[in-house]
């Protein structure tokens, strides 16, 4: 499974961006998918995850109320709508496809990773 993330860019604080992630195989439609991010000098951290059918969604506390993860049932793509962006959201964002259909916040639950897309939020 190959994952291709896109949609990153430079935005001012308070602005919005939408990231998308496409999988190379339709079988990922049965997998949970997630977004993680890694800021310079920091460890990779969980952002959001969605189960295979969109029925279960998890968010990191730092993005609750501002970010929305979504996917269509049976679709092999996942989106991350980011509103009210802050400078501390600056990071490389990675999408991941899970080992199972259940959404989880742990990176060990994901077998496949995309190459990342840079999000930079200026103050």
PDB file of N, CA and C in Angstrom:
ATOM      1  N   UNK A   1       0.849  -1.183   0.000  1.00  0.00           N
ATOM      2  CA  UNK A   1       0.000   0.000   0.000  1.00  0.00           C
ATOM      3  C   UNK A   1       0.887   1.236   0.000  1.00  0.00           C
ATOM      4  N   UNK A   2       0.641   2.107  -0.938  1.00  0.00           N
ATOM      5  CA  UNK A   2       1.354   3.380  -0.959  1.00  0.00           C
ATOM      6  C   UNK A   2       0.368   4.491  -0.640  1.00  0.00           C
ATOM      7  N   UNK A   3       0.810   5.431   0.170  1.00  0.00           N
ATOM      8  CA  UNK A   3      -0.030   6.549   0.574  1.00  0.00           C
ATOM      9  C   UNK A   3       0.582   7.842   0.068  1.00  0.00           C
ATOM     10  N   UNK A   4      -0.242   8.685  -0.491  1.00  0.00           N
ATOM     11  CA  UNK A   4       0.221   9.958  -1.038  1.00  0.00           C
ATOM     12  C   UNK A   4      -0.545  11.080  -0.365  1.00  0.00           C
ATOM     13  N   UNK A   5       0.163  11.871   0.435  1.00  0.00           N
ATOM     14  CA  UNK A   5      -0.455  13.004   1.114  1.00  0.00           C
ATOM     15  C   UNK A   5      -0.215  14.278   0.309  1.00  0.00           C
ATOM     16  N   UNK A   6      -1.190  15.164   0.354  1.00  0.00           N
ATOM     17  CA  UNK A   6      -1.066  16.432  -0.354  1.00  0.00           C
ATOM     18  C   UNK A   6      -1.899  17.487   0.353  1.00  0.00           C
ATOM     19  N   UNK A   7      -1.718  18.730  -0.058  1.00  0.00           N
ATOM     20  CA  UNK A   7      -2.531  19.816   0.470  1.00  0.00           C
ATOM     21  C   UNK A   7      -1.831  20.726   1.453  1.00  0.00           C
ATOM     22  N   UNK A   8      -0.597  20.419   1.801  1.00  0.00           N
ATOM     23  CA  UNK A   8       0.127  21.276   2.719  1.00  0.00           C
ATOM     24  C   UNK A   8       0.499  22.597   2.083  1.00  0.00           C
ATOM     25  N   UNK A   9       0.997  23.505   2.918  1.00  0.00           N
ATOM     26  CA  UNK A   9       1.397  24.806   2.403  1.00  0.00           C
ATOM     27  C   UNK A   9       1.654  25.785   3.515  1.00  0.00           C
ATOM     28  N   UNK A  10       1.776  27.038   3.123  1.00  0.00           N
ATOM     29  CA  UNK A  10       2.010  28.128   4.064  1.00  0.00           C
ATOM     30  C   UNK A  10       0.708  28.899   4.253  1.00  0.00           C
ATOM     31  N   UNK A  11       0.339  29.130   5.514  1.00  0.00           N
ATOM     32  CA  UNK A  11      -0.900  29.835   5.811  1.00  0.00           C
ATOM     33  C   UNK A  11      -0.680  30.704   7.039  1.00  0.00           C
ATOM     34  N   UNK A  12      -1.424  31.787   7.124  1.00  0.00           N
ATOM     35  CA  UNK A  12      -1.325  32.644   8.289  1.00  0.00           C
ATOM     36  C   UNK A  12      -2.115  32.060   9.450  1.00  0.00           C
ATOM     37  N   UNK A  13      -1.729  32.434  10.647  1.00  0.00           N
ATOM     38  CA  UNK A  13      -2.465  31.986  11.830  1.00  0.00           C
ATOM     39  C   UNK A  13      -3.932  32.376  11.693  1.00  0.00           C
ATOM     40  N   UNK A  14      -4.797  31.439  12.070  1.00  0.00           N
ATOM     41  CA  UNK A  14      -6.228  31.640  11.928  1.00  0.00           C
ATOM     42  C   UNK A  14      -6.797  31.131  10.622  1.00  0.00           C
ATOM     43  N   UNK A  15      -5.917  30.776   9.705  1.00  0.00           N
ATOM     44  CA  UNK A  15      -6.348  30.292   8.404  1.00  0.00           C
ATOM     45  C   UNK A  15      -6.691  28.818   8.405  1.00  0.00           C
ATOM     46  N   UNK A  16      -6.982  28.300   7.206  1.00  0.00           N
ATOM     47  CA  UNK A  16      -7.417  26.915   7.055  1.00  0.00           C
ATOM     48  C   UNK A  16      -6.654  26.223   5.925  1.00  0.00           C
ATOM     49  N   UNK A  17      -6.527  24.932   6.073  1.00  0.00           N
ATOM     50  CA  UNK A  17      -5.980  24.079   5.028  1.00  0.00           C
ATOM     51  C   UNK A  17      -6.701  22.742   5.082  1.00  0.00           C
ATOM     52  N   UNK A  18      -6.776  22.080   3.942  1.00  0.00           N
ATOM     53  CA  UNK A  18      -7.316  20.732   3.912  1.00  0.00           C
ATOM     54  C   UNK A  18      -6.280  19.795   3.306  1.00  0.00           C
ATOM     55  N   UNK A  19      -5.908  18.789   4.071  1.00  0.00           N
ATOM     56  CA  UNK A  19      -4.979  17.776   3.594  1.00  0.00           C
ATOM     57  C   UNK A  19      -5.778  16.582   3.071  1.00  0.00           C
ATOM     58  N   UNK A  20      -5.235  15.925   2.082  1.00  0.00           N
ATOM     59  CA  UNK A  20      -5.846  14.696   1.591  1.00  0.00           C
ATOM     60  C   UNK A  20      -4.784  13.621   1.469  1.00  0.00           C
ATOM     61  N   UNK A  21      -5.231  12.402   1.547  1.00  0.00           N
ATOM     62  CA  UNK A  21      -4.334  11.255   1.475  1.00  0.00           C
ATOM     63  C   UNK A  21      -5.005  10.189   0.638  1.00  0.00           C
ATOM     64  N   UNK A  22      -4.341   9.762  -0.402  1.00  0.00           N
ATOM     65  CA  UNK A  22      -4.873   8.730  -1.279  1.00  0.00           C
ATOM     66  C   UNK A  22      -4.044   7.474  -1.157  1.00  0.00           C
ATOM     67  N   UNK A  23      -4.737   6.348  -1.126  1.00  0.00           N
ATOM     68  CA  UNK A  23      -4.057   5.069  -1.052  1.00  0.00           C
ATOM     69  C   UNK A  23      -4.016   4.428  -2.424  1.00  0.00           C
ATOM     70  N   UNK A  24      -3.001   3.622  -2.621  1.00  0.00           N
ATOM     71  CA  UNK A  24      -2.845   2.982  -3.924  1.00  0.00           C
ATOM     72  C   UNK A  24      -3.706   1.751  -4.088  1.00  0.00           C
ATOM     73  N   UNK A  25      -4.272   1.282  -2.988  1.00  0.00           N
ATOM     74  CA  UNK A  25      -5.058   0.067  -3.081  1.00  0.00           C
ATOM     75  C   UNK A  25      -6.411   0.229  -2.417  1.00  0.00           C
ATOM     76  N   UNK A  26      -7.403  -0.312  -3.034  1.00  0.00           N
ATOM     77  CA  UNK A  26      -8.759  -0.195  -2.515  1.00  0.00           C
ATOM     78  C   UNK A  26      -8.923  -0.964  -1.214  1.00  0.00           C
ATOM     79  N   UNK A  27      -8.034  -1.913  -0.948  1.00  0.00           N
ATOM     80  CA  UNK A  27      -8.165  -2.691   0.291  1.00  0.00           C
ATOM     81  C   UNK A  27      -8.009  -1.823   1.525  1.00  0.00           C
ATOM     82  N   UNK A  28      -7.379  -0.666   1.379  1.00  0.00           N
ATOM     83  CA  UNK A  28      -7.244   0.193   2.540  1.00  0.00           C
ATOM     84  C   UNK A  28      -8.573   0.757   2.990  1.00  0.00           C
ATOM     85  N   UNK A  29      -9.620   0.598   2.162  1.00  0.00           N
ATOM     86  CA  UNK A  29     -10.927   1.062   2.584  1.00  0.00           C
ATOM     87  C   UNK A  29     -11.431   0.278   3.787  1.00  0.00           C
ATOM     88  N   UNK A  30     -10.822  -0.880   4.092  1.00  0.00           N
ATOM     89  CA  UNK A  30     -11.183  -1.669   5.263  1.00  0.00           C
ATOM     90  C   UNK A  30     -10.286  -1.373   6.459  1.00  0.00           C
ATOM     91  N   UNK A  31      -9.388  -0.422   6.302  1.00  0.00           N
ATOM     92  CA  UNK A  31      -8.437  -0.095   7.354  1.00  0.00           C
ATOM     93  C   UNK A  31      -8.761   1.236   7.996  1.00  0.00           C
ATOM     94  N   UNK A  32      -8.448   1.344   9.263  1.00  0.00           N
ATOM     95  CA  UNK A  32      -8.458   2.650   9.903  1.00  0.00           C
ATOM     96  C   UNK A  32      -7.372   3.509   9.260  1.00  0.00           C
ATOM     97  N   UNK A  33      -7.603   4.803   9.211  1.00  0.00           N
ATOM     98  CA  UNK A  33      -6.600   5.718   8.674  1.00  0.00           C
ATOM     99  C   UNK A  33      -6.422   6.869   9.640  1.00  0.00           C
ATOM    100  N   UNK A  34      -5.238   7.459   9.601  1.00  0.00           N
ATOM    101  CA  UNK A  34      -4.923   8.467  10.604  1.00  0.00           C
ATOM    102  C   UNK A  34      -3.972   9.505  10.045  1.00  0.00           C
ATOM    103  N   UNK A  35      -3.871  10.590  10.765  1.00  0.00           N
ATOM    104  CA  UNK A  35      -2.883  11.632  10.513  1.00  0.00           C
ATOM    105  C   UNK A  35      -2.005  11.779  11.756  1.00  0.00           C
ATOM    106  N   UNK A  36      -0.723  11.872  11.516  1.00  0.00           N
ATOM    107  CA  UNK A  36       0.258  12.193  12.537  1.00  0.00           C
ATOM    108  C   UNK A  36       1.033  13.410  12.050  1.00  0.00           C
ATOM    109  N   UNK A  37       1.766  14.035  12.949  1.00  0.00           N
ATOM    110  CA  UNK A  37       2.604  15.156  12.549  1.00  0.00           C
ATOM    111  C   UNK A  37       3.900  15.159  13.335  1.00  0.00           C
ATOM    112  N   UNK A  38       4.909  15.775  12.740  1.00  0.00           N
ATOM    113  CA  UNK A  38       6.202  15.880  13.394  1.00  0.00           C
ATOM    114  C   UNK A  38       6.780  17.261  13.157  1.00  0.00           C
ATOM    115  N   UNK A  39       6.961  17.969  14.246  1.00  0.00           N
ATOM    116  CA  UNK A  39       7.566  19.300  14.182  1.00  0.00           C
ATOM    117  C   UNK A  39       9.071  19.161  14.328  1.00  0.00           C
ATOM    118  N   UNK A  40       9.839  20.144  13.865  1.00  0.00           N
ATOM    119  CA  UNK A  40      11.300  20.074  13.962  1.00  0.00           C
ATOM    120  C   UNK A  40      11.754  19.870  15.400  1.00  0.00           C
ATOM    121  N   UNK A  41      12.597  18.874  15.601  1.00  0.00           N
ATOM    122  CA  UNK A  41      13.140  18.616  16.920  1.00  0.00           C
ATOM    123  C   UNK A  41      12.204  17.907  17.874  1.00  0.00           C
ATOM    124  N   UNK A  42      11.036  17.518  17.377  1.00  0.00           N
ATOM    125  CA  UNK A  42      10.063  16.850  18.233  1.00  0.00           C
ATOM    126  C   UNK A  42       9.739  15.468  17.690  1.00  0.00           C
ATOM    127  N   UNK A  43       9.147  14.646  18.539  1.00  0.00           N
ATOM    128  CA  UNK A  43       8.730  13.324  18.117  1.00  0.00           C
ATOM    129  C   UNK A  43       7.421  13.407  17.333  1.00  0.00           C
ATOM    130  N   UNK A  44       7.199  12.379  16.539  1.00  0.00           N
ATOM    131  CA  UNK A  44       5.948  12.303  15.800  1.00  0.00           C
ATOM    132  C   UNK A  44       4.798  12.158  16.782  1.00  0.00           C
ATOM    133  N   UNK A  45       3.716  12.877  16.534  1.00  0.00           N
ATOM    134  CA  UNK A  45       2.575  12.814  17.434  1.00  0.00           C
ATOM    135  C   UNK A  45       1.282  12.582  16.669  1.00  0.00           C
ATOM    136  N   UNK A  46       0.360  11.970  17.372  1.00  0.00           N
ATOM    137  CA  UNK A  46      -0.950  11.659  16.817  1.00  0.00           C
ATOM    138  C   UNK A  46      -1.771  12.932  16.640  1.00  0.00           C
ATOM    139  N   UNK A  47      -2.525  12.997  15.550  1.00  0.00           N
ATOM    140  CA  UNK A  47      -3.408  14.130  15.293  1.00  0.00           C
ATOM    141  C   UNK A  47      -4.869  13.675  15.286  1.00  0.00           C
ATOM    142  N   UNK A  48      -5.189  12.720  14.407  1.00  0.00           N
ATOM    143  CA  UNK A  48      -6.576  12.262  14.283  1.00  0.00           C
ATOM    144  C   UNK A  48      -6.605  10.906  13.599  1.00  0.00           C
ATOM    145  N   UNK A  49      -7.668  10.154  13.873  1.00  0.00           N
ATOM    146  CA  UNK A  49      -7.832   8.847  13.248  1.00  0.00           C
ATOM    147  C   UNK A  49      -9.308   8.575  13.009  1.00  0.00           C
ATOM    148  N   UNK A  50      -9.577   7.767  12.002  1.00  0.00           N
ATOM    149  CA  UNK A  50     -10.956   7.397  11.668  1.00  0.00           C
ATOM    150  C   UNK A  50     -10.995   5.917  11.343  1.00  0.00           C
ATOM    151  N   UNK A  51     -12.035   5.245  11.822  1.00  0.00           N
ATOM    152  CA  UNK A  51     -12.178   3.814  11.567  1.00  0.00           C
ATOM    153  C   UNK A  51     -12.554   3.565  10.109  1.00  0.00           C
ATOM    154  N   UNK A  52     -12.606   2.306   9.739  1.00  0.00           N
ATOM    155  CA  UNK A  52     -12.780   1.936   8.335  1.00  0.00           C
ATOM    156  C   UNK A  52     -14.081   2.482   7.735  1.00  0.00           C
ATOM    157  N   UNK A  53     -15.112   2.592   8.549  1.00  0.00           N
ATOM    158  CA  UNK A  53     -16.403   3.051   8.024  1.00  0.00           C
ATOM    159  C   UNK A  53     -16.765   4.451   8.509  1.00  0.00           C
ATOM    160  N   UNK A  54     -15.812   5.126   9.145  1.00  0.00           N
ATOM    161  CA  UNK A  54     -16.079   6.474   9.623  1.00  0.00           C
ATOM    162  C   UNK A  54     -16.875   6.537  10.902  1.00  0.00           C
ATOM    163  N   UNK A  55     -17.163   5.385  11.484  1.00  0.00           N
ATOM    164  CA  UNK A  55     -18.012   5.356  12.661  1.00  0.00           C
ATOM    165  C   UNK A  55     -17.323   5.734  13.952  1.00  0.00           C
ATOM    166  N   UNK A  56     -16.027   5.652  13.981  1.00  0.00           N
ATOM    167  CA  UNK A  56     -15.278   5.991  15.186  1.00  0.00           C
ATOM    168  C   UNK A  56     -14.160   6.951  14.825  1.00  0.00           C
ATOM    169  N   UNK A  57     -14.104   8.072  15.505  1.00  0.00           N
ATOM    170  CA  UNK A  57     -13.115   9.109  15.207  1.00  0.00           C
ATOM    171  C   UNK A  57     -12.429   9.516  16.499  1.00  0.00           C
ATOM    172  N   UNK A  58     -11.123   9.678  16.414  1.00  0.00           N
ATOM    173  CA  UNK A  58     -10.319  10.118  17.550  1.00  0.00           C
ATOM    174  C   UNK A  58      -9.560  11.384  17.172  1.00  0.00           C
ATOM    175  N   UNK A  59      -9.384  12.266  18.156  1.00  0.00           N
ATOM    176  CA  UNK A  59      -8.594  13.480  17.951  1.00  0.00           C
ATOM    177  C   UNK A  59      -7.635  13.676  19.120  1.00  0.00           C
ATOM    178  N   UNK A  60      -6.493  14.246  18.825  1.00  0.00           N
ATOM    179  CA  UNK A  60      -5.618  14.715  19.884  1.00  0.00           C
ATOM    180  C   UNK A  60      -6.276  15.929  20.536  1.00  0.00           C
ATOM    181  N   UNK A  61      -6.043  16.094  21.830  1.00  0.00           N
ATOM    182  CA  UNK A  61      -6.657  17.215  22.546  1.00  0.00           C
ATOM    183  C   UNK A  61      -6.266  18.556  21.920  1.00  0.00           C
ATOM    184  N   UNK A  62      -5.069  18.631  21.395  1.00  0.00           N
ATOM    185  CA  UNK A  62      -4.561  19.893  20.867  1.00  0.00           C
ATOM    186  C   UNK A  62      -5.281  20.359  19.608  1.00  0.00           C
ATOM    187  N   UNK A  63      -6.016  19.460  18.953  1.00  0.00           N
ATOM    188  CA  UNK A  63      -6.678  19.836  17.699  1.00  0.00           C
ATOM    189  C   UNK A  63      -8.195  19.711  17.769  1.00  0.00           C
ATOM    190  N   UNK A  64      -8.711  19.215  18.880  1.00  0.00           N
ATOM    191  CA  UNK A  64     -10.164  19.059  19.012  1.00  0.00           C
ATOM    192  C   UNK A  64     -10.874  20.386  18.811  1.00  0.00           C
ATOM    193  N   UNK A  65     -11.934  20.353  18.023  1.00  0.00           N
ATOM    194  CA  UNK A  65     -12.707  21.559  17.757  1.00  0.00           C
ATOM    195  C   UNK A  65     -12.159  22.393  16.619  1.00  0.00           C
ATOM    196  N   UNK A  66     -10.952  22.075  16.165  1.00  0.00           N
ATOM    197  CA  UNK A  66     -10.356  22.846  15.065  1.00  0.00           C
ATOM    198  C   UNK A  66     -10.133  21.993  13.813  1.00  0.00           C
ATOM    199  N   UNK A  67      -9.799  20.725  14.013  1.00  0.00           N
ATOM    200  CA  UNK A  67      -9.523  19.821  12.891  1.00  0.00           C
ATOM    201  C   UNK A  67     -10.653  18.815  12.741  1.00  0.00           C
ATOM    202  N   UNK A  68     -10.899  18.409  11.499  1.00  0.00           N
ATOM    203  CA  UNK A  68     -11.922  17.399  11.217  1.00  0.00           C
ATOM    204  C   UNK A  68     -11.346  16.378  10.242  1.00  0.00           C
ATOM    205  N   UNK A  69     -11.350  15.113  10.671  1.00  0.00           N
ATOM    206  CA  UNK A  69     -10.919  14.030   9.795  1.00  0.00           C
ATOM    207  C   UNK A  69     -12.168  13.416   9.171  1.00  0.00           C
ATOM    208  N   UNK A  70     -12.062  13.019   7.918  1.00  0.00           N
ATOM    209  CA  UNK A  70     -13.237  12.452   7.268  1.00  0.00           C
ATOM    210  C   UNK A  70     -12.819  11.472   6.183  1.00  0.00           C
ATOM    211  N   UNK A  71     -13.722  10.592   5.878  1.00  0.00           N
ATOM    212  CA  UNK A  71     -13.546   9.664   4.784  1.00  0.00           C
ATOM    213  C   UNK A  71     -14.934   9.185   4.391  1.00  0.00           C
ATOM    214  N   UNK A  72     -15.076   8.765   3.158  1.00  0.00           N
ATOM    215  CA  UNK A  72     -16.331   8.192   2.707  1.00  0.00           C
ATOM    216  C   UNK A  72     -16.231   6.687   2.818  1.00  0.00           C
ATOM    217  N   UNK A  73     -17.315   6.073   3.195  1.00  0.00           N
ATOM    218  CA  UNK A  73     -17.345   4.626   3.330  1.00  0.00           C
ATOM    219  C   UNK A  73     -16.910   3.968   2.023  1.00  0.00           C
ATOM    220  N   UNK A  74     -15.948   3.054   2.130  1.00  0.00           N
ATOM    221  CA  UNK A  74     -15.464   2.362   0.946  1.00  0.00           C
ATOM    222  C   UNK A  74     -14.453   3.139   0.140  1.00  0.00           C
ATOM    223  N   UNK A  75     -14.191   4.381   0.538  1.00  0.00           N
ATOM    224  CA  UNK A  75     -13.238   5.202  -0.182  1.00  0.00           C
ATOM    225  C   UNK A  75     -11.848   4.948   0.372  1.00  0.00           C
ATOM    226  N   UNK A  76     -10.876   5.032  -0.486  1.00  0.00           N
ATOM    227  CA  UNK A  76      -9.512   4.802  -0.057  1.00  0.00           C
ATOM    228  C   UNK A  76      -8.775   6.112   0.176  1.00  0.00           C
ATOM    229  N   UNK A  77      -9.530   7.175   0.409  1.00  0.00           N
ATOM    230  CA  UNK A  77      -8.923   8.457   0.711  1.00  0.00           C
ATOM    231  C   UNK A  77      -9.423   8.974   2.056  1.00  0.00           C
ATOM    232  N   UNK A  78      -8.573   9.753   2.679  1.00  0.00           N
ATOM    233  CA  UNK A  78      -8.937  10.380   3.943  1.00  0.00           C
ATOM    234  C   UNK A  78      -8.522  11.849   3.879  1.00  0.00           C
ATOM    235  N   UNK A  79      -9.285  12.682   4.565  1.00  0.00           N
ATOM    236  CA  UNK A  79      -9.052  14.122   4.536  1.00  0.00           C
ATOM    237  C   UNK A  79      -8.865  14.654   5.950  1.00  0.00           C
ATOM    238  N   UNK A  80      -8.158  15.752   6.053  1.00  0.00           N
ATOM    239  CA  UNK A  80      -8.008  16.451   7.320  1.00  0.00           C
ATOM    240  C   UNK A  80      -8.253  17.927   7.065  1.00  0.00           C
ATOM    241  N   UNK A  81      -9.410  18.398   7.525  1.00  0.00           N
ATOM    242  CA  UNK A  81      -9.737  19.805   7.421  1.00  0.00           C
ATOM    243  C   UNK A  81      -9.222  20.501   8.663  1.00  0.00           C
ATOM    244  N   UNK A  82      -8.353  21.499   8.467  1.00  0.00           N
ATOM    245  CA  UNK A  82      -7.715  22.187   9.583  1.00  0.00           C
ATOM    246  C   UNK A  82      -8.148  23.643   9.586  1.00  0.00           C
ATOM    247  N   UNK A  83      -8.849  24.036  10.626  1.00  0.00           N
ATOM    248  CA  UNK A  83      -9.298  25.416  10.795  1.00  0.00           C
ATOM    249  C   UNK A  83      -8.581  26.072  11.970  1.00  0.00           C
ATOM    250  N   UNK A  84      -8.648  27.376  12.023  1.00  0.00           N
ATOM    251  CA  UNK A  84      -8.068  28.136  13.138  1.00  0.00           C
ATOM    252  C   UNK A  84      -6.635  27.696  13.412  1.00  0.00           C
ATOM    253  N   UNK A  85      -5.860  27.626  12.377  1.00  0.00           N
ATOM    254  CA  UNK A  85      -4.493  27.129  12.509  1.00  0.00           C
ATOM    255  C   UNK A  85      -3.652  28.052  13.370  1.00  0.00           C
ATOM    256  N   UNK A  86      -2.736  27.427  14.115  1.00  0.00           N
ATOM    257  CA  UNK A  86      -1.841  28.151  15.012  1.00  0.00           C
ATOM    258  C   UNK A  86      -0.403  27.870  14.601  1.00  0.00           C
ATOM    259  N   UNK A  87       0.513  28.763  14.962  1.00  0.00           N
ATOM    260  CA  UNK A  87       1.933  28.502  14.638  1.00  0.00           C
ATOM    261  C   UNK A  87       2.414  27.158  15.174  1.00  0.00           C
ATOM    262  N   UNK A  88       1.892  26.729  16.306  1.00  0.00           N
ATOM    263  CA  UNK A  88       2.313  25.452  16.870  1.00  0.00           C
ATOM    264  C   UNK A  88       1.790  24.251  16.092  1.00  0.00           C
ATOM    265  N   UNK A  89       0.945  24.478  15.095  1.00  0.00           N
ATOM    266  CA  UNK A  89       0.516  23.399  14.208  1.00  0.00           C
ATOM    267  C   UNK A  89       1.532  23.149  13.087  1.00  0.00           C
ATOM    268  N   UNK A  90       2.541  23.991  13.008  1.00  0.00           N
ATOM    269  CA  UNK A  90       3.564  23.823  11.984  1.00  0.00           C
ATOM    270  C   UNK A  90       4.281  22.486  12.158  1.00  0.00           C
ATOM    271  N   UNK A  91       4.287  21.692  11.110  1.00  0.00           N
ATOM    272  CA  UNK A  91       4.878  20.351  11.166  1.00  0.00           C
ATOM    273  C   UNK A  91       4.773  19.700   9.793  1.00  0.00           C
ATOM    274  N   UNK A  92       5.441  18.580   9.672  1.00  0.00           N
ATOM    275  CA  UNK A  92       5.199  17.708   8.534  1.00  0.00           C
ATOM    276  C   UNK A  92       4.081  16.753   8.941  1.00  0.00           C
ATOM    277  N   UNK A  93       3.051  16.679   8.123  1.00  0.00           N
ATOM    278  CA  UNK A  93       1.890  15.845   8.413  1.00  0.00           C
ATOM    279  C   UNK A  93       1.966  14.571   7.587  1.00  0.00           C
ATOM    280  N   UNK A  94       1.788  13.442   8.283  1.00  0.00           N
ATOM    281  CA  UNK A  94       1.854  12.131   7.648  1.00  0.00           C
ATOM    282  C   UNK A  94       0.504  11.437   7.750  1.00  0.00           C
ATOM    283  N   UNK A  95       0.097  10.785   6.674  1.00  0.00           N
ATOM    284  CA  UNK A  95      -1.076   9.934   6.764  1.00  0.00           C
ATOM    285  C   UNK A  95      -0.615   8.487   6.911  1.00  0.00           C
ATOM    286  N   UNK A  96      -1.483   7.684   7.514  1.00  0.00           N
ATOM    287  CA  UNK A  96      -1.131   6.296   7.786  1.00  0.00           C
ATOM    288  C   UNK A  96      -2.367   5.418   7.654  1.00  0.00           C
ATOM    289  N   UNK A  97      -2.134   4.193   7.227  1.00  0.00           N
ATOM    290  CA  UNK A  97      -3.204   3.198   7.123  1.00  0.00           C
ATOM    291  C   UNK A  97      -2.962   2.105   8.158  1.00  0.00           C
ATOM    292  N   UNK A  98      -4.046   1.714   8.825  1.00  0.00           N
ATOM    293  CA  UNK A  98      -3.909   0.842   9.975  1.00  0.00           C
ATOM    294  C   UNK A  98      -3.792  -0.639   9.678  1.00  0.00           C
ATOM    295  N   UNK A  99      -3.342  -1.363  10.676  1.00  0.00           N
ATOM    296  CA  UNK A  99      -3.298  -2.820  10.608  1.00  0.00           C
ATOM    297  C   UNK A  99      -4.701  -3.400  10.709  1.00  0.00           C
ATOM    298  N   UNK A 100      -5.588  -2.652  11.323  1.00  0.00           N
ATOM    299  CA  UNK A 100      -6.953  -3.135  11.484  1.00  0.00           C
ATOM    300  C   UNK A 100      -7.929  -2.041  11.112  1.00  0.00           C
ATOM    301  N   UNK A 101      -9.195  -2.340  11.295  1.00  0.00           N
ATOM    302  CA  UNK A 101     -10.246  -1.396  10.937  1.00  0.00           C
ATOM    303  C   UNK A 101     -10.566  -0.417  12.066  1.00  0.00           C
ATOM    304  N   UNK A 102      -9.938  -0.614  13.221  1.00  0.00           N
ATOM    305  CA  UNK A 102     -10.261   0.176  14.407  1.00  0.00           C
ATOM    306  C   UNK A 102      -9.328   1.364  14.524  1.00  0.00           C
ATOM    307  N   UNK A 103      -9.884   2.529  14.761  1.00  0.00           N
ATOM    308  CA  UNK A 103      -9.070   3.725  14.930  1.00  0.00           C
ATOM    309  C   UNK A 103      -8.317   3.675  16.250  1.00  0.00           C
ATOM    310  N   UNK A 104      -7.056   4.049  16.196  1.00  0.00           N
ATOM    311  CA  UNK A 104      -6.226   4.087  17.388  1.00  0.00           C
ATOM    312  C   UNK A 104      -5.276   5.277  17.292  1.00  0.00           C
ATOM    313  N   UNK A 105      -4.824   5.759  18.449  1.00  0.00           N
ATOM    314  CA  UNK A 105      -3.922   6.906  18.449  1.00  0.00           C
ATOM    315  C   UNK A 105      -2.453   6.509  18.487  1.00  0.00           C
ATOM    316  N   UNK A 106      -2.179   5.249  18.639  1.00  0.00           N
ATOM    317  CA  UNK A 106      -0.802   4.796  18.698  1.00  0.00           C
ATOM    318  C   UNK A 106      -0.225   4.530  17.317  1.00  0.00           C
ATOM    319  N   UNK A 107       0.984   4.999  17.079  1.00  0.00           N
ATOM    320  CA  UNK A 107       1.586   4.811  15.764  1.00  0.00           C
ATOM    321  C   UNK A 107       1.835   3.343  15.447  1.00  0.00           C
ATOM    322  N   UNK A 108       1.959   2.520  16.477  1.00  0.00           N
ATOM    323  CA  UNK A 108       2.209   1.106  16.241  1.00  0.00           C
ATOM    324  C   UNK A 108       1.011   0.410  15.602  1.00  0.00           C
ATOM    325  N   UNK A 109      -0.119   1.071  15.609  1.00  0.00           N
ATOM    326  CA  UNK A 109      -1.311   0.505  15.004  1.00  0.00           C
ATOM    327  C   UNK A 109      -1.413   0.720  13.512  1.00  0.00           C
ATOM    328  N   UNK A 110      -0.399   1.326  12.929  1.00  0.00           N
ATOM    329  CA  UNK A 110      -0.447   1.670  11.512  1.00  0.00           C
ATOM    330  C   UNK A 110       0.752   1.070  10.788  1.00  0.00           C
ATOM    331  N   UNK A 111       0.443   0.390   9.694  1.00  0.00           N
ATOM    332  CA  UNK A 111       1.485  -0.334   8.963  1.00  0.00           C
ATOM    333  C   UNK A 111       2.069   0.464   7.815  1.00  0.00           C
ATOM    334  N   UNK A 112       1.280   1.334   7.245  1.00  0.00           N
ATOM    335  CA  UNK A 112       1.692   2.030   6.029  1.00  0.00           C
ATOM    336  C   UNK A 112       1.669   3.537   6.259  1.00  0.00           C
ATOM    337  N   UNK A 113       2.708   4.188   5.750  1.00  0.00           N
ATOM    338  CA  UNK A 113       2.863   5.618   5.975  1.00  0.00           C
ATOM    339  C   UNK A 113       3.141   6.329   4.661  1.00  0.00           C
ATOM    340  N   UNK A 114       2.563   7.535   4.551  1.00  0.00           N
ATOM    341  CA  UNK A 114       2.859   8.379   3.406  1.00  0.00           C
ATOM    342  C   UNK A 114       4.140   9.156   3.632  1.00  0.00           C
ATOM    343  N   UNK A 115       4.531   9.930   2.638  1.00  0.00           N
ATOM    344  CA  UNK A 115       5.805  10.634   2.676  1.00  0.00           C
ATOM    345  C   UNK A 115       5.735  11.935   3.456  1.00  0.00           C
ATOM    346  N   UNK A 116       4.571  12.418   3.762  1.00  0.00           N
ATOM    347  CA  UNK A 116       4.436  13.649   4.523  1.00  0.00           C
ATOM    348  C   UNK A 116       4.239  14.873   3.657  1.00  0.00           C
ATOM    349  N   UNK A 117       3.519  15.835   4.204  1.00  0.00           N
ATOM    350  CA  UNK A 117       3.323  17.111   3.532  1.00  0.00           C
ATOM    351  C   UNK A 117       3.533  18.219   4.558  1.00  0.00           C
ATOM    352  N   UNK A 118       4.247  19.252   4.162  1.00  0.00           N
ATOM    353  CA  UNK A 118       4.634  20.310   5.101  1.00  0.00           C
ATOM    354  C   UNK A 118       3.496  21.305   5.287  1.00  0.00           C
ATOM    355  N   UNK A 119       3.200  21.601   6.531  1.00  0.00           N
ATOM    356  CA  UNK A 119       2.252  22.658   6.881  1.00  0.00           C
ATOM    357  C   UNK A 119       3.014  23.686   7.710  1.00  0.00           C
ATOM    358  N   UNK A 120       2.988  24.927   7.262  1.00  0.00           N
ATOM    359  CA  UNK A 120       3.661  26.007   7.967  1.00  0.00           C
ATOM    360  C   UNK A 120       2.652  27.095   8.266  1.00  0.00           C
ATOM    361  N   UNK A 121       2.539  27.448   9.538  1.00  0.00           N
ATOM    362  CA  UNK A 121       1.597  28.477   9.960  1.00  0.00           C
ATOM    363  C   UNK A 121       2.397  29.656  10.488  1.00  0.00           C
ATOM    364  N   UNK A 122       2.243  30.793   9.844  1.00  0.00           N
ATOM    365  CA  UNK A 122       2.983  31.986  10.245  1.00  0.00           C
ATOM    366  C   UNK A 122       2.158  32.809  11.232  1.00  0.00           C
ATOM    367  N   UNK A 123       2.868  33.465  12.128  1.00  0.00           N
ATOM    368  CA  UNK A 123       2.178  34.265  13.151  1.00  0.00           C
ATOM    369  C   UNK A 123       1.934  35.677  12.674  1.00  0.00           C
TER     370      UNK A 123
END
